[in-house]
Amino acid sequence: MKTTTGRRKAAAVHTPDLYQQVTDKIILALENGVPPWRRPWRAAQNVHGSSLPVNAVTGRAYSGINVPLLWMAAEEHGYTSDRWLTFRQAKAAGGYVRKNETSALAIIYKPFEKQARDSSDNLLFRDGEPVMEQLAMLKHLQLFNVAQCEGLADAVPAAQPTILSATQLQQVQQILSATGVGCDHRRQDRAFYRTGADRIVMPTVSQFRTEADYWSTLLHELVHATGHSSRLNREGITSSSRKFGDPVYAFEELIAETGSAFLCAELGITGDVQHESYLAGWLKVLREDKKAIFRACRFAREASEYLLAPLNRHTEQAA
């Protein structure tokens, strides 16, 4: 006779490990030479105002790990739209998902806390107060692209094309000015952020293939700058031991690469950042820690929100 505990353990064995599933997809994309965070620069037609994936009904942008996951799904299946919705939302909007269509992998991430237990399964207390531990619940969210649906034309807002304007490029200058980070230009072959001086060093604009490549590279370095102790105080920037090749350095580059992609998508900048030299480091980090990409996306979101905050405040005041 099986015990209840035994049944719980058996069920746990067959529960999909979503952390590992997501990490394996990211690793496969990197091994194939297609970093998933570069989705908006490979297919930027027929999308809404920015290149971030959004819910087709609510208009709300997806965030965190769901951004590269949905970019990868769109790239894999050749969707030219970054608008997604659930089966029920399609039905409620008067349409439907076509038969035999497969949903994209997306994640619902819900943090929660519960009282910690010791090795003997006893509840832990400290000074009479329960010791709480922070946990997270992951669930698979089934999303479908609008290209997989029928009957949505009258119910779901039409997509608007992305237009790269001088105003959008000026927004990057406004972001740089608001941070207070200095920026120097030299005729050289690399861009980098100097933590001690709190300055970005960039090649000259003429060295980039396009002006958009210049701005996207600058955004990458600005994400690094958010890690300064006076801002978000991120280990990858504040650590005195960080150097090329170590895990802390590789993880920080993963944050900056992802964060700059989020910012470019939000601002409608279709530039590219050349950082293939970090590929081996990224793969090492991901293979050793299945939760690393989730943390990197969280830090990238925090950095992009920090940098965009002055623009959002200005928009609210103008309204």
Protein backbone atom coordinates (compact mmCIF):
# COMPACT_ATOMS: atom_id res chain seq x y z
CA MET A 1 0.00 0.00 0.00
CA LYS A 2 1.39 3.39 -1.02
CA THR A 3 1.47 6.14 1.57
CA THR A 4 0.33 9.70 0.96
CA THR A 5 3.95 10.81 1.29
CA GLY A 6 4.93 8.25 -1.29
CA ARG A 7 2.33 9.57 -3.71
CA ARG A 8 3.54 13.11 -3.20
CA LYS A 9 7.11 12.06 -3.95
CA ALA A 10 6.04 10.10 -7.03
CA ALA A 11 4.11 13.10 -8.33
CA ALA A 12 7.07 15.38 -7.73
CA VAL A 13 9.31 13.16 -9.86
CA HIS A 14 7.02 13.64 -12.88
CA THR A 15 6.48 17.37 -12.40
CA PRO A 16 8.14 19.27 -15.26
CA ASP A 17 11.13 21.32 -14.13
CA LEU A 18 10.26 24.64 -15.73
CA TYR A 19 13.54 26.23 -14.65
CA GLN A 20 15.42 23.53 -16.57
CA GLN A 21 13.05 23.63 -19.55
CA VAL A 22 13.55 27.37 -19.99
CA THR A 23 17.31 27.21 -19.44
CA ASP A 24 17.66 24.37 -21.97
CA LYS A 25 15.82 26.47 -24.59
CA ILE A 26 18.13 29.44 -23.95
CA ILE A 27 21.23 27.24 -24.11
CA LEU A 28 20.10 25.65 -27.39
CA ALA A 29 19.52 29.07 -28.93
CA LEU A 30 22.98 30.26 -27.87
CA GLU A 31 24.61 27.07 -29.16
CA ASN A 32 22.90 27.70 -32.51
CA GLY A 33 24.37 31.20 -32.56
CA VAL A 34 21.04 32.95 -32.05
CA PRO A 35 20.94 34.84 -28.73
CA PRO A 36 17.21 35.00 -27.90
CA TRP A 37 17.37 38.59 -26.68
CA ARG A 38 18.19 39.77 -30.21
CA ARG A 39 14.72 38.93 -31.52
CA PRO A 40 13.60 42.56 -32.12
CA TRP A 41 16.58 43.25 -34.35
CA ARG A 42 15.96 40.27 -36.64
CA ALA A 43 12.24 40.78 -37.28
CA ALA A 44 10.98 44.26 -36.53
CA GLN A 45 8.10 44.48 -39.00
CA ASN A 46 4.37 44.47 -38.28
CA VAL A 47 4.65 44.99 -34.55
CA HIS A 48 3.11 47.39 -32.05
CA GLY A 49 4.79 50.64 -30.96
CA SER A 50 7.72 48.87 -29.30
CA SER A 51 9.13 45.41 -30.03
CA LEU A 52 8.32 43.98 -26.63
CA PRO A 53 5.81 41.12 -26.74
CA VAL A 54 2.43 42.26 -25.46
CA ASN A 55 -0.93 40.75 -24.60
CA ALA A 56 -3.12 41.32 -27.67
CA VAL A 57 -6.21 42.07 -25.58
CA THR A 58 -4.91 44.13 -22.65
CA GLY A 59 -1.95 45.73 -24.43
CA ARG A 60 0.22 44.98 -21.40
CA ALA A 61 3.83 44.09 -22.18
CA TYR A 62 5.21 40.78 -20.95
CA SER A 63 8.34 41.06 -18.83
CA GLY A 64 11.28 39.13 -17.44
CA ILE A 65 12.00 35.69 -18.83
CA ASN A 66 8.82 35.78 -20.95
CA VAL A 67 10.37 38.40 -23.24
CA PRO A 68 13.12 36.17 -24.71
CA LEU A 69 10.84 33.12 -24.57
CA LEU A 70 8.19 34.79 -26.74
CA TRP A 71 10.79 36.32 -29.03
CA MET A 72 12.21 32.83 -29.58
CA ALA A 73 8.76 31.37 -30.25
CA ALA A 74 7.99 34.10 -32.80
CA GLU A 75 11.35 33.55 -34.50
CA GLU A 76 10.97 29.77 -34.56
CA HIS A 77 7.54 29.86 -36.19
CA GLY A 78 8.05 32.92 -38.36
CA TYR A 79 5.41 35.11 -36.68
CA THR A 80 5.73 38.76 -37.68
CA SER A 81 3.63 39.95 -34.74
CA ASP A 82 4.66 40.18 -31.11
CA ARG A 83 1.05 40.06 -29.85
CA TRP A 84 -0.04 37.07 -27.77
CA LEU A 85 -3.12 35.90 -25.89
CA THR A 86 -4.55 32.87 -24.11
CA PHE A 87 -7.08 30.40 -25.56
CA ARG A 88 -9.81 31.90 -23.38
CA GLN A 89 -8.94 35.47 -24.36
CA ALA A 90 -9.21 34.57 -28.04
CA LYS A 91 -12.63 33.04 -27.43
CA ALA A 92 -13.81 36.02 -25.33
CA ALA A 93 -12.71 38.36 -28.12
CA GLY A 94 -15.02 36.56 -30.55
CA GLY A 95 -12.29 34.56 -32.26
CA TYR A 96 -10.60 31.22 -31.78
CA VAL A 97 -7.24 29.45 -31.91
CA ARG A 98 -7.00 27.26 -35.01
CA LYS A 99 -7.10 23.51 -34.50
CA ASN A 100 -3.77 21.74 -33.89
CA GLU A 101 -1.93 24.99 -33.09
CA THR A 102 0.75 24.62 -30.39
CA SER A 103 1.07 27.10 -27.53
CA ALA A 104 4.30 28.93 -26.77
CA LEU A 105 6.17 28.34 -23.53
CA ALA A 106 5.63 31.23 -21.13
CA ILE A 107 5.90 31.41 -17.36
CA ILE A 108 3.76 32.72 -14.52
CA TYR A 109 6.15 33.59 -11.70
CA LYS A 110 4.53 34.13 -8.30
CA PRO A 111 6.78 34.82 -5.30
CA PHE A 112 5.52 33.80 -1.86
CA GLU A 113 6.87 33.05 1.58
CA LYS A 114 6.34 30.29 4.12
CA GLN A 115 7.78 29.34 7.47
CA ALA A 116 11.12 27.58 7.19
CA ARG A 117 11.78 24.11 8.60
CA ASP A 118 14.94 22.45 9.90
CA SER A 119 16.44 19.14 8.74
CA SER A 120 13.99 17.27 11.01
CA ASP A 121 11.01 19.04 9.41
CA ASN A 122 10.33 21.15 12.49
CA LEU A 123 9.16 24.75 12.07
CA LEU A 124 11.92 27.27 12.70
CA PHE A 125 11.67 30.22 15.09
CA ARG A 126 14.09 33.00 16.03
CA ASP A 127 13.49 35.00 19.22
CA GLY A 128 9.97 33.63 19.30
CA GLU A 129 9.21 34.80 15.76
CA PRO A 130 8.74 32.39 12.84
CA VAL A 131 11.62 32.28 10.35
CA MET A 132 10.21 32.87 6.89
CA GLU A 133 11.80 31.84 3.61
CA GLN A 134 11.22 33.40 0.21
CA LEU A 135 10.02 30.99 -2.46
CA ALA A 136 8.51 31.20 -5.92
CA MET A 137 5.88 29.23 -7.75
CA LEU A 138 6.30 28.69 -11.48
CA LYS A 139 3.42 27.71 -13.74
CA HIS A 140 3.29 27.14 -17.47
CA LEU A 141 1.25 29.87 -19.19
CA GLN A 142 -0.12 28.75 -22.57
CA LEU A 143 0.02 31.63 -25.05
CA PHE A 144 -0.85 31.80 -28.73
CA ASN A 145 0.28 34.34 -31.28
CA VAL A 146 -2.45 36.29 -33.08
CA ALA A 147 -1.16 34.63 -36.27
CA GLN A 148 -2.49 31.33 -34.88
CA CYS A 149 -6.00 32.71 -34.47
CA GLU A 150 -9.04 33.48 -36.59
CA GLY A 151 -11.84 35.99 -36.10
CA LEU A 152 -9.86 38.54 -34.08
CA ALA A 153 -9.75 41.36 -36.64
CA ASP A 154 -12.64 43.35 -35.18
CA ALA A 155 -11.95 42.59 -31.52
CA VAL A 156 -8.18 42.96 -31.14
CA PRO A 157 -6.49 46.32 -31.91
CA ALA A 158 -4.46 46.29 -35.11
CA ALA A 159 -0.68 46.35 -34.82
CA GLN A 160 1.13 49.59 -35.53
CA PRO A 161 4.49 49.69 -37.34
CA THR A 162 7.63 50.65 -35.49
CA ILE A 163 9.08 53.94 -36.68
CA LEU A 164 12.62 54.80 -35.67
CA SER A 165 12.71 58.57 -35.25
CA ALA A 166 15.16 61.20 -34.10
CA THR A 167 12.97 61.63 -31.02
CA GLN A 168 13.60 58.02 -29.97
CA LEU A 169 17.35 58.47 -30.30
CA GLN A 170 17.13 61.69 -28.27
CA GLN A 171 15.46 59.68 -25.53
CA VAL A 172 18.69 57.73 -25.04
CA GLN A 173 20.53 61.02 -24.60
CA GLN A 174 17.93 62.03 -22.00
CA ILE A 175 18.43 58.72 -20.17
CA LEU A 176 22.21 59.24 -20.15
CA SER A 177 21.83 62.79 -18.87
CA ALA A 178 19.42 61.73 -16.10
CA THR A 179 21.82 59.08 -14.75
CA GLY A 180 24.70 61.55 -14.40
CA VAL A 181 27.09 59.03 -15.95
CA GLY A 182 29.89 60.62 -17.97
CA CYS A 183 30.64 59.44 -21.51
CA ASP A 184 33.97 59.71 -23.36
CA HIS A 185 34.65 58.83 -27.00
CA ARG A 186 37.93 57.40 -28.28
CA ARG A 187 38.97 55.76 -31.52
CA GLN A 188 39.22 52.20 -30.20
CA ASP A 189 37.69 48.76 -30.71
CA ARG A 190 35.60 48.33 -27.57
CA ALA A 191 33.06 50.02 -25.32
CA PHE A 192 33.15 49.68 -21.55
CA TYR A 193 31.98 51.16 -18.25
CA ARG A 194 34.54 52.39 -15.69
CA THR A 195 33.09 51.73 -12.25
CA GLY A 196 35.51 53.88 -10.24
CA ALA A 197 35.12 56.94 -12.47
CA ASP A 198 31.43 56.20 -13.14
CA ARG A 199 32.02 56.88 -16.83
CA ILE A 200 31.29 55.09 -20.10
CA VAL A 201 34.02 54.92 -22.75
CA MET A 202 32.72 54.47 -26.32
CA PRO A 203 34.29 54.22 -29.76
CA THR A 204 33.50 57.16 -32.02
CA VAL A 205 30.11 57.17 -33.74
CA SER A 206 31.75 56.79 -37.17
CA GLN A 207 33.18 53.40 -36.14
CA PHE A 208 29.71 51.83 -35.89
CA ARG A 209 27.91 50.32 -38.88
CA THR A 210 24.76 52.31 -38.08
CA GLU A 211 23.76 55.05 -35.67
CA ALA A 212 21.31 52.61 -34.07
CA ASP A 213 24.21 50.22 -33.34
CA TYR A 214 25.93 53.05 -31.50
CA TRP A 215 22.88 53.80 -29.34
CA SER A 216 22.17 50.15 -28.55
CA THR A 217 25.80 49.72 -27.44
CA LEU A 218 25.52 52.81 -25.27
CA LEU A 219 22.38 51.34 -23.66
CA HIS A 220 24.31 48.15 -22.91
CA GLU A 221 26.92 50.18 -21.03
CA LEU A 222 24.20 52.19 -19.28
CA VAL A 223 22.73 48.95 -17.94
CA HIS A 224 26.16 48.23 -16.45
CA ALA A 225 26.14 51.71 -14.91
CA THR A 226 22.88 50.99 -13.05
CA GLY A 227 24.84 48.49 -10.98
CA HIS A 228 26.92 51.27 -9.37
CA SER A 229 26.69 51.43 -5.57
CA SER A 230 24.86 54.77 -5.81
CA ARG A 231 22.15 53.21 -7.99
CA LEU A 232 21.07 49.54 -7.89
CA ASN A 233 24.24 48.31 -6.16
CA ARG A 234 24.66 45.11 -8.22
CA GLU A 235 27.42 42.63 -7.38
CA GLY A 236 28.58 42.34 -10.97
CA ILE A 237 29.65 45.99 -10.85
CA THR A 238 30.52 46.55 -7.19
CA SER A 239 32.57 43.35 -6.69
CA SER A 240 36.29 44.06 -6.46
CA SER A 241 37.15 40.61 -7.84
CA ARG A 242 35.23 40.89 -11.11
CA LYS A 243 37.36 40.15 -14.16
CA PHE A 244 36.88 38.74 -17.63
CA GLY A 245 36.20 35.01 -17.50
CA ASP A 246 34.84 34.68 -13.97
CA PRO A 247 31.16 33.80 -13.29
CA VAL A 248 30.32 37.18 -11.73
CA TYR A 249 31.63 38.99 -14.83
CA ALA A 250 29.80 36.65 -17.23
CA PHE A 251 26.54 37.01 -15.29
CA GLU A 252 26.80 40.81 -15.32
CA GLU A 253 27.33 40.73 -19.09
CA LEU A 254 24.24 38.55 -19.40
CA ILE A 255 22.27 41.18 -17.47
CA ALA A 256 23.59 44.01 -19.64
CA GLU A 257 22.95 42.13 -22.89
CA THR A 258 19.38 41.29 -21.88
CA GLY A 259 18.71 44.72 -20.38
CA SER A 260 19.89 46.55 -23.50
CA ALA A 261 17.61 44.32 -25.60
CA PHE A 262 14.65 45.23 -23.36
CA LEU A 263 15.50 48.92 -23.70
CA CYS A 264 15.97 48.77 -27.47
CA ALA A 265 12.63 47.00 -27.82
CA GLU A 266 10.92 49.57 -25.59
CA LEU A 267 12.43 52.55 -27.43
CA GLY A 268 12.11 51.07 -30.92
CA ILE A 269 15.85 51.08 -31.64
CA THR A 270 16.83 48.38 -34.13
CA GLY A 271 20.55 48.31 -33.44
CA ASP A 272 22.95 45.50 -32.58
CA VAL A 273 25.60 44.92 -29.93
CA GLN A 274 28.55 42.70 -30.78
CA HIS A 275 29.46 40.67 -27.71
CA GLU A 276 30.08 37.18 -29.08
CA SER A 277 33.23 36.93 -26.93
CA TYR A 278 31.02 36.40 -23.89
CA LEU A 279 29.18 33.39 -25.36
CA ALA A 280 31.31 30.75 -23.62
CA GLY A 281 30.89 32.50 -20.27
CA TRP A 282 27.11 32.73 -20.66
CA LEU A 283 26.85 29.05 -21.52
CA LYS A 284 28.95 28.09 -18.50
CA VAL A 285 26.75 30.14 -16.16
CA LEU A 286 23.52 28.71 -17.58
CA ARG A 287 24.73 25.11 -17.52
CA GLU A 288 25.80 25.38 -13.90
CA ASP A 289 22.68 27.17 -12.63
CA LYS A 290 19.23 26.55 -14.10
CA LYS A 291 17.86 29.65 -12.35
CA ALA A 292 20.55 32.05 -13.63
CA ILE A 293 18.61 33.27 -16.67
CA PHE A 294 15.59 34.04 -14.46
CA ARG A 295 17.74 36.17 -12.15
CA ALA A 296 19.46 37.85 -15.09
CA CYS A 297 16.09 38.81 -16.60
CA ARG A 298 14.91 40.13 -13.23
CA PHE A 299 18.02 42.31 -12.84
CA ALA A 300 17.71 43.40 -16.49
CA ARG A 301 14.09 44.44 -15.92
CA GLU A 302 15.08 46.39 -12.79
CA ALA A 303 17.86 48.15 -14.71
CA SER A 304 15.66 49.03 -17.69
CA GLU A 305 12.89 50.34 -15.41
CA TYR A 306 15.46 52.45 -13.53
CA LEU A 307 16.75 53.97 -16.77
CA LEU A 308 13.31 54.56 -18.25
CA ALA A 309 11.88 56.15 -15.09
CA PRO A 310 12.88 59.75 -16.03
CA LEU A 311 11.22 59.39 -19.45
CA ASN A 312 8.07 57.97 -17.88
CA ARG A 313 7.93 60.85 -15.37
CA HIS A 314 8.33 63.36 -18.20
CA THR A 315 5.50 61.68 -20.17
CA GLU A 316 3.21 61.74 -17.12
CA GLN A 317 3.93 65.44 -16.51
CA ALA A 318 3.30 66.27 -20.18
CA ALA A 319 -0.04 64.46 -20.02
